[in-house]
């Protein structure tokens, strides 16, 4: 089950020069998005994630700091949208994946080749009334 974690961090390290996270007080929100055809076939099968060159994949993890020496995986409620440069907006649905010591939220979405998308994810950590806004933009390319 650690396959997904290893794959996500490998892809994060190889595709991004800067760390993809935002810090909101004691919470770190790590995120990555790419074409789902880049997922390992076995990992995709285990988690029921379709692989396609025109399907995007996003993974988000929420960590809480200050509890121990290392940040701790934290449950949260996630809702979000994605929009293209024309302003066409779609809702994102997130699925929760829990492994020993790890917790992820993932979503898949259709995209058009070479289009730039804006993502707006609302993150509400368990035990918090406040919601944090994770915002980022990314261009997607059709895969094989």
N, C-alpha and C. Protein backbone atom coordinates (compact mmCIF):
# COMPACT_ATOMS: atom_id res chain seq x y z
N UNK A 1 0.81 -1.20 0.00
CA UNK A 1 0.00 0.00 0.00
C UNK A 1 0.85 1.27 0.00
N UNK A 2 2.09 1.13 0.31
CA UNK A 2 2.99 2.28 0.28
C UNK A 2 3.36 2.66 -1.15
N UNK A 3 2.90 1.88 -2.12
CA UNK A 3 3.21 2.15 -3.52
C UNK A 3 2.74 3.53 -3.94
N UNK A 4 1.53 3.91 -3.57
CA UNK A 4 0.99 5.21 -3.98
C UNK A 4 1.83 6.34 -3.40
N UNK A 5 2.16 6.23 -2.14
CA UNK A 5 2.97 7.26 -1.49
C UNK A 5 4.32 7.39 -2.19
N UNK A 6 4.97 6.27 -2.44
CA UNK A 6 6.28 6.30 -3.10
C UNK A 6 6.17 6.88 -4.50
N UNK A 7 5.13 6.49 -5.23
CA UNK A 7 4.95 6.99 -6.59
C UNK A 7 4.71 8.49 -6.60
N UNK A 8 3.85 8.96 -5.73
CA UNK A 8 3.54 10.39 -5.70
C UNK A 8 4.78 11.21 -5.36
N UNK A 9 5.54 10.78 -4.38
CA UNK A 9 6.72 11.54 -4.01
C UNK A 9 7.81 11.45 -5.08
N UNK A 10 7.90 10.32 -5.77
CA UNK A 10 8.85 10.21 -6.88
C UNK A 10 8.48 11.16 -7.99
N UNK A 11 7.19 11.19 -8.36
CA UNK A 11 6.74 12.10 -9.40
C UNK A 11 6.92 13.55 -8.99
N UNK A 12 6.63 13.84 -7.73
CA UNK A 12 6.80 15.20 -7.23
C UNK A 12 8.25 15.63 -7.35
N UNK A 13 9.15 14.76 -6.97
CA UNK A 13 10.57 15.10 -7.03
C UNK A 13 11.06 15.27 -8.45
N UNK A 14 10.53 14.47 -9.37
CA UNK A 14 11.04 14.51 -10.74
C UNK A 14 10.37 15.57 -11.60
N UNK A 15 9.15 16.01 -11.26
CA UNK A 15 8.44 16.94 -12.13
C UNK A 15 8.39 18.37 -11.61
N UNK A 16 8.78 18.59 -10.39
CA UNK A 16 8.66 19.95 -9.85
C UNK A 16 9.99 20.40 -9.28
N UNK A 17 10.39 21.60 -9.64
CA UNK A 17 11.64 22.12 -9.10
C UNK A 17 11.42 22.72 -7.71
N UNK A 18 10.22 23.15 -7.43
CA UNK A 18 9.90 23.69 -6.11
C UNK A 18 8.87 22.78 -5.45
N UNK A 19 8.91 22.72 -4.14
CA UNK A 19 7.97 21.88 -3.42
C UNK A 19 6.55 22.41 -3.62
N UNK A 20 5.62 21.51 -3.85
CA UNK A 20 4.23 21.90 -4.06
C UNK A 20 3.48 21.74 -2.75
N UNK A 21 3.54 22.77 -1.95
CA UNK A 21 2.80 22.78 -0.69
C UNK A 21 2.47 24.20 -0.33
N UNK A 22 1.44 24.32 0.48
CA UNK A 22 1.11 25.60 1.08
C UNK A 22 0.95 25.36 2.57
N UNK A 23 1.40 26.33 3.35
CA UNK A 23 1.34 26.22 4.81
C UNK A 23 0.28 27.19 5.32
N UNK A 24 -0.60 26.65 6.15
CA UNK A 24 -1.67 27.45 6.78
C UNK A 24 -1.53 27.24 8.28
N UNK A 25 -0.75 28.08 8.94
CA UNK A 25 -0.53 27.93 10.38
C UNK A 25 0.13 26.61 10.67
N UNK A 26 -0.55 25.77 11.45
CA UNK A 26 0.02 24.48 11.84
C UNK A 26 -0.29 23.36 10.84
N UNK A 27 -0.87 23.70 9.70
CA UNK A 27 -1.21 22.70 8.68
C UNK A 27 -0.40 22.90 7.41
N UNK A 28 0.13 21.81 6.88
CA UNK A 28 0.79 21.80 5.59
C UNK A 28 -0.12 21.07 4.63
N UNK A 29 -0.36 21.65 3.47
CA UNK A 29 -1.18 21.00 2.44
C UNK A 29 -0.26 20.75 1.25
N UNK A 30 0.03 19.48 0.99
CA UNK A 30 0.89 19.07 -0.12
C UNK A 30 -0.01 18.62 -1.26
N UNK A 31 0.38 18.98 -2.49
CA UNK A 31 -0.46 18.62 -3.63
C UNK A 31 0.39 18.32 -4.86
N UNK A 32 -0.18 17.51 -5.74
CA UNK A 32 0.45 17.18 -7.01
C UNK A 32 -0.65 16.84 -7.99
N UNK A 33 -0.46 17.25 -9.25
CA UNK A 33 -1.43 16.94 -10.30
C UNK A 33 -0.66 16.61 -11.57
N UNK A 34 -1.14 15.60 -12.30
CA UNK A 34 -0.50 15.17 -13.53
C UNK A 34 -1.48 14.31 -14.32
N UNK A 35 -1.10 13.91 -15.51
CA UNK A 35 -1.93 13.06 -16.35
C UNK A 35 -1.97 11.66 -15.75
N UNK A 36 -3.16 11.09 -15.62
CA UNK A 36 -3.30 9.79 -14.93
C UNK A 36 -2.59 8.65 -15.66
N UNK A 37 -2.28 8.82 -16.94
CA UNK A 37 -1.55 7.76 -17.66
C UNK A 37 -0.13 7.61 -17.10
N UNK A 38 0.35 8.57 -16.33
CA UNK A 38 1.67 8.49 -15.72
C UNK A 38 1.68 7.60 -14.48
N UNK A 39 0.51 7.27 -13.95
CA UNK A 39 0.44 6.38 -12.79
C UNK A 39 0.89 4.98 -13.17
N UNK A 40 1.59 4.34 -12.27
CA UNK A 40 1.95 2.95 -12.43
C UNK A 40 0.68 2.11 -12.57
N UNK A 41 0.68 1.15 -13.50
CA UNK A 41 -0.52 0.32 -13.75
C UNK A 41 -0.99 -0.40 -12.50
N UNK A 42 -0.07 -0.94 -11.73
CA UNK A 42 -0.45 -1.69 -10.52
C UNK A 42 -1.04 -0.77 -9.45
N UNK A 43 -0.46 0.40 -9.29
CA UNK A 43 -0.97 1.37 -8.31
C UNK A 43 -2.38 1.81 -8.71
N UNK A 44 -2.55 2.13 -9.99
CA UNK A 44 -3.86 2.56 -10.48
C UNK A 44 -4.90 1.47 -10.25
N UNK A 45 -4.53 0.22 -10.49
CA UNK A 45 -5.46 -0.90 -10.30
C UNK A 45 -5.85 -1.06 -8.83
N UNK A 46 -4.87 -0.98 -7.94
CA UNK A 46 -5.13 -1.14 -6.50
C UNK A 46 -6.15 -0.12 -6.01
N UNK A 47 -6.00 1.13 -6.47
CA UNK A 47 -6.85 2.21 -5.97
C UNK A 47 -8.03 2.54 -6.88
N UNK A 48 -8.20 1.77 -7.96
CA UNK A 48 -9.33 1.99 -8.85
C UNK A 48 -9.27 3.32 -9.59
N UNK A 49 -8.06 3.74 -9.95
CA UNK A 49 -7.88 5.01 -10.65
C UNK A 49 -7.74 4.72 -12.14
N UNK A 50 -8.62 5.25 -12.97
CA UNK A 50 -8.49 5.03 -14.41
C UNK A 50 -7.25 5.73 -14.96
N UNK A 51 -6.57 5.08 -15.89
CA UNK A 51 -5.40 5.66 -16.55
C UNK A 51 -5.80 6.09 -17.95
N UNK A 52 -5.54 7.35 -18.27
CA UNK A 52 -5.89 7.87 -19.58
C UNK A 52 -5.03 9.10 -19.88
N UNK A 53 -4.70 9.28 -21.14
CA UNK A 53 -3.91 10.43 -21.55
C UNK A 53 -4.67 11.74 -21.49
N UNK A 54 -6.00 11.66 -21.38
CA UNK A 54 -6.79 12.90 -21.29
C UNK A 54 -7.50 13.03 -19.94
N UNK A 55 -7.02 12.28 -18.95
CA UNK A 55 -7.60 12.33 -17.61
C UNK A 55 -6.53 12.80 -16.64
N UNK A 56 -6.84 13.87 -15.92
CA UNK A 56 -5.91 14.38 -14.93
C UNK A 56 -6.10 13.67 -13.60
N UNK A 57 -5.07 13.67 -12.80
CA UNK A 57 -5.08 13.05 -11.47
C UNK A 57 -4.48 14.06 -10.49
N UNK A 58 -5.11 14.21 -9.34
CA UNK A 58 -4.62 15.11 -8.29
C UNK A 58 -4.61 14.35 -6.97
N UNK A 59 -3.53 14.54 -6.21
CA UNK A 59 -3.43 13.97 -4.88
C UNK A 59 -3.08 15.09 -3.91
N UNK A 60 -3.78 15.10 -2.78
CA UNK A 60 -3.57 16.12 -1.75
C UNK A 60 -3.42 15.41 -0.40
N UNK A 61 -2.47 15.86 0.38
CA UNK A 61 -2.34 15.37 1.75
C UNK A 61 -2.27 16.56 2.69
N UNK A 62 -2.87 16.40 3.85
CA UNK A 62 -2.88 17.44 4.88
C UNK A 62 -2.08 16.91 6.06
N UNK A 63 -1.13 17.69 6.51
CA UNK A 63 -0.29 17.31 7.64
C UNK A 63 -0.41 18.38 8.72
N UNK A 64 -0.40 17.91 9.97
CA UNK A 64 -0.44 18.85 11.10
C UNK A 64 0.92 18.82 11.79
N UNK A 65 1.45 20.02 12.04
CA UNK A 65 2.74 20.13 12.71
C UNK A 65 2.53 20.41 14.19
N UNK A 66 3.61 20.26 14.96
CA UNK A 66 3.58 20.61 16.38
C UNK A 66 3.10 19.50 17.29
N UNK A 67 2.70 18.37 16.74
CA UNK A 67 2.24 17.25 17.57
C UNK A 67 3.41 16.37 17.95
N UNK A 68 4.31 16.14 17.00
CA UNK A 68 5.51 15.34 17.23
C UNK A 68 6.64 15.96 16.42
N UNK A 69 7.78 15.30 16.41
CA UNK A 69 8.94 15.83 15.69
C UNK A 69 8.67 15.97 14.19
N UNK A 70 7.88 15.07 13.64
CA UNK A 70 7.52 15.11 12.23
C UNK A 70 6.04 15.46 12.08
N UNK A 71 5.67 16.09 10.98
CA UNK A 71 4.24 16.37 10.75
C UNK A 71 3.43 15.06 10.70
N UNK A 72 2.18 15.14 11.12
CA UNK A 72 1.30 13.97 11.22
C UNK A 72 0.20 14.09 10.17
N UNK A 73 -0.09 12.99 9.48
CA UNK A 73 -1.19 12.96 8.51
C UNK A 73 -2.48 13.32 9.23
N UNK A 74 -3.28 14.20 8.61
CA UNK A 74 -4.47 14.73 9.27
C UNK A 74 -5.67 14.63 8.34
N UNK A 75 -6.79 14.22 8.89
CA UNK A 75 -8.02 14.12 8.10
C UNK A 75 -8.58 15.53 7.86
N UNK A 76 -9.27 15.68 6.74
CA UNK A 76 -9.85 16.98 6.40
C UNK A 76 -11.02 16.77 5.45
N UNK A 77 -11.81 17.80 5.33
CA UNK A 77 -12.88 17.82 4.33
C UNK A 77 -12.37 18.67 3.18
N UNK A 78 -12.42 18.13 1.96
CA UNK A 78 -11.96 18.85 0.78
C UNK A 78 -13.10 19.02 -0.21
N UNK A 79 -13.24 20.23 -0.71
CA UNK A 79 -14.15 20.51 -1.82
C UNK A 79 -13.36 21.39 -2.77
N UNK A 80 -13.71 21.35 -4.04
CA UNK A 80 -12.93 22.16 -4.94
C UNK A 80 -13.52 22.29 -6.33
N UNK A 81 -12.93 23.23 -7.07
CA UNK A 81 -13.31 23.46 -8.45
C UNK A 81 -12.06 23.62 -9.29
N UNK A 82 -12.24 23.41 -10.58
CA UNK A 82 -11.20 23.73 -11.55
C UNK A 82 -11.85 24.53 -12.65
N UNK A 83 -11.12 25.50 -13.18
CA UNK A 83 -11.67 26.31 -14.26
C UNK A 83 -10.59 26.57 -15.31
N UNK A 84 -11.04 26.69 -16.55
CA UNK A 84 -10.10 27.01 -17.62
C UNK A 84 -10.02 28.52 -17.78
N UNK A 85 -9.23 28.97 -18.73
CA UNK A 85 -9.03 30.41 -18.90
C UNK A 85 -10.26 31.12 -19.45
N UNK A 86 -11.22 30.36 -19.97
CA UNK A 86 -12.48 30.95 -20.44
C UNK A 86 -13.47 31.13 -19.29
N UNK A 87 -13.11 30.60 -18.11
CA UNK A 87 -13.99 30.72 -16.94
C UNK A 87 -14.95 29.57 -16.78
N UNK A 88 -14.85 28.54 -17.62
CA UNK A 88 -15.70 27.36 -17.48
C UNK A 88 -15.23 26.59 -16.25
N UNK A 89 -16.15 26.34 -15.33
CA UNK A 89 -15.80 25.74 -14.05
C UNK A 89 -16.45 24.38 -13.88
N UNK A 90 -15.70 23.47 -13.25
CA UNK A 90 -16.21 22.13 -12.90
C UNK A 90 -15.90 21.83 -11.45
N UNK A 91 -16.81 21.12 -10.82
CA UNK A 91 -16.60 20.68 -9.44
C UNK A 91 -15.66 19.47 -9.43
N UNK A 92 -14.84 19.37 -8.40
CA UNK A 92 -13.99 18.21 -8.20
C UNK A 92 -14.54 17.37 -7.06
N UNK A 93 -14.45 16.07 -7.19
CA UNK A 93 -14.85 15.16 -6.12
C UNK A 93 -13.60 14.46 -5.62
N UNK A 94 -13.45 14.38 -4.31
CA UNK A 94 -12.27 13.77 -3.71
C UNK A 94 -12.61 12.46 -3.03
N UNK A 95 -11.71 11.49 -3.19
CA UNK A 95 -11.81 10.20 -2.53
C UNK A 95 -10.68 10.11 -1.51
N UNK A 96 -10.99 9.59 -0.34
CA UNK A 96 -10.02 9.48 0.75
C UNK A 96 -9.33 8.12 0.68
N UNK A 97 -8.00 8.11 0.78
CA UNK A 97 -7.21 6.88 0.83
C UNK A 97 -6.41 6.92 2.12
N UNK A 98 -6.60 5.91 2.96
CA UNK A 98 -5.85 5.86 4.21
C UNK A 98 -4.99 4.61 4.21
N UNK A 99 -3.72 4.81 4.54
CA UNK A 99 -2.77 3.74 4.72
C UNK A 99 -2.17 3.90 6.10
N UNK A 100 -1.37 2.95 6.50
CA UNK A 100 -0.74 3.05 7.81
C UNK A 100 0.18 4.28 7.84
N UNK A 101 -0.16 5.27 8.65
CA UNK A 101 0.64 6.47 8.80
C UNK A 101 0.51 7.48 7.67
N UNK A 102 -0.39 7.24 6.73
CA UNK A 102 -0.55 8.16 5.60
C UNK A 102 -2.02 8.33 5.26
N UNK A 103 -2.36 9.50 4.77
CA UNK A 103 -3.74 9.81 4.40
C UNK A 103 -3.69 10.74 3.19
N UNK A 104 -4.41 10.36 2.13
CA UNK A 104 -4.42 11.13 0.89
C UNK A 104 -5.85 11.35 0.44
N UNK A 105 -6.02 12.38 -0.34
CA UNK A 105 -7.29 12.65 -1.00
C UNK A 105 -6.97 12.77 -2.48
N UNK A 106 -7.70 12.04 -3.31
CA UNK A 106 -7.40 12.15 -4.73
C UNK A 106 -8.65 12.42 -5.55
N UNK A 107 -8.43 12.98 -6.72
CA UNK A 107 -9.50 13.32 -7.64
C UNK A 107 -9.00 13.12 -9.06
N UNK A 108 -9.92 12.76 -9.95
CA UNK A 108 -9.59 12.69 -11.37
C UNK A 108 -10.51 13.66 -12.11
N UNK A 109 -10.03 14.11 -13.28
CA UNK A 109 -10.79 15.12 -14.04
C UNK A 109 -10.36 15.08 -15.49
N UNK A 110 -11.29 15.38 -16.38
CA UNK A 110 -10.98 15.50 -17.80
C UNK A 110 -10.31 16.83 -18.06
N UNK A 111 -9.45 16.87 -19.07
CA UNK A 111 -8.82 18.12 -19.46
C UNK A 111 -8.57 18.12 -20.97
N UNK A 112 -8.36 19.30 -21.51
CA UNK A 112 -7.99 19.45 -22.92
C UNK A 112 -6.48 19.67 -23.01
N UNK A 113 -5.88 19.09 -24.03
CA UNK A 113 -4.44 19.18 -24.22
C UNK A 113 -3.95 20.62 -24.27
N UNK A 114 -2.91 20.90 -23.51
CA UNK A 114 -2.23 22.19 -23.47
C UNK A 114 -3.06 23.32 -22.88
N UNK A 115 -4.14 23.00 -22.19
CA UNK A 115 -4.94 24.03 -21.53
C UNK A 115 -4.41 24.28 -20.12
N UNK A 116 -4.51 25.53 -19.70
CA UNK A 116 -4.14 25.94 -18.34
C UNK A 116 -5.41 25.90 -17.49
N UNK A 117 -5.29 25.33 -16.29
CA UNK A 117 -6.43 25.25 -15.39
C UNK A 117 -6.08 25.89 -14.05
N UNK A 118 -7.07 26.54 -13.47
CA UNK A 118 -6.95 27.11 -12.13
C UNK A 118 -7.71 26.20 -11.18
N UNK A 119 -7.06 25.85 -10.09
CA UNK A 119 -7.67 24.98 -9.09
C UNK A 119 -7.90 25.80 -7.82
N UNK A 120 -9.06 25.62 -7.23
CA UNK A 120 -9.39 26.27 -5.96
C UNK A 120 -9.96 25.18 -5.06
N UNK A 121 -9.17 24.78 -4.08
CA UNK A 121 -9.55 23.69 -3.18
C UNK A 121 -9.75 24.29 -1.79
N UNK A 122 -10.89 24.00 -1.19
CA UNK A 122 -11.15 24.41 0.18
C UNK A 122 -10.81 23.23 1.09
N UNK A 123 -9.96 23.48 2.06
CA UNK A 123 -9.47 22.45 2.97
C UNK A 123 -9.91 22.81 4.38
N UNK A 124 -10.68 21.91 5.00
CA UNK A 124 -11.12 22.13 6.38
C UNK A 124 -10.61 20.96 7.22
N UNK A 125 -9.48 21.16 7.92
CA UNK A 125 -8.93 20.09 8.76
C UNK A 125 -9.91 19.68 9.86
N UNK A 126 -9.91 18.39 10.20
CA UNK A 126 -10.75 17.93 11.31
C UNK A 126 -10.47 18.75 12.56
N UNK A 127 -11.53 19.09 13.26
CA UNK A 127 -11.41 19.86 14.49
C UNK A 127 -11.31 21.36 14.28
N UNK A 128 -11.38 21.81 13.03
CA UNK A 128 -11.27 23.23 12.72
C UNK A 128 -12.57 23.74 12.12
N UNK A 129 -12.96 24.94 12.50
CA UNK A 129 -14.10 25.60 11.89
C UNK A 129 -13.64 26.33 10.62
N UNK A 130 -12.42 26.80 10.68
CA UNK A 130 -11.85 27.57 9.56
C UNK A 130 -11.56 26.68 8.35
N UNK A 131 -11.76 27.26 7.17
CA UNK A 131 -11.44 26.60 5.91
C UNK A 131 -10.29 27.36 5.27
N UNK A 132 -9.32 26.61 4.73
CA UNK A 132 -8.17 27.20 4.08
C UNK A 132 -8.31 27.06 2.57
N UNK A 133 -7.86 28.07 1.83
CA UNK A 133 -7.96 28.08 0.38
C UNK A 133 -6.64 27.71 -0.26
N UNK A 134 -6.61 26.55 -0.90
CA UNK A 134 -5.46 26.12 -1.68
C UNK A 134 -5.75 26.50 -3.13
N UNK A 135 -4.89 27.36 -3.69
CA UNK A 135 -5.10 27.81 -5.07
C UNK A 135 -3.81 27.61 -5.85
N UNK A 136 -3.94 27.05 -7.04
CA UNK A 136 -2.79 26.93 -7.93
C UNK A 136 -3.28 26.77 -9.36
N UNK A 137 -2.38 27.02 -10.30
CA UNK A 137 -2.68 26.86 -11.72
C UNK A 137 -1.71 25.86 -12.31
N UNK A 138 -2.17 25.13 -13.32
CA UNK A 138 -1.29 24.17 -13.96
C UNK A 138 -1.76 23.89 -15.37
N UNK A 139 -0.80 23.72 -16.27
CA UNK A 139 -1.09 23.35 -17.65
C UNK A 139 -0.96 21.83 -17.77
N UNK A 140 -1.86 21.22 -18.52
CA UNK A 140 -1.85 19.77 -18.70
C UNK A 140 -1.61 19.42 -20.16
N UNK A 141 -0.89 18.34 -20.35
CA UNK A 141 -0.56 17.85 -21.68
C UNK A 141 -1.08 16.43 -21.83
N UNK A 142 -1.66 16.15 -22.97
CA UNK A 142 -2.20 14.83 -23.25
C UNK A 142 -1.07 13.81 -23.23
N UNK A 143 -1.29 12.73 -22.51
CA UNK A 143 -0.31 11.66 -22.42
C UNK A 143 -0.68 10.50 -23.33
N UNK A 144 0.07 9.43 -23.20
CA UNK A 144 -0.20 8.24 -24.03
C UNK A 144 -1.13 7.30 -23.34
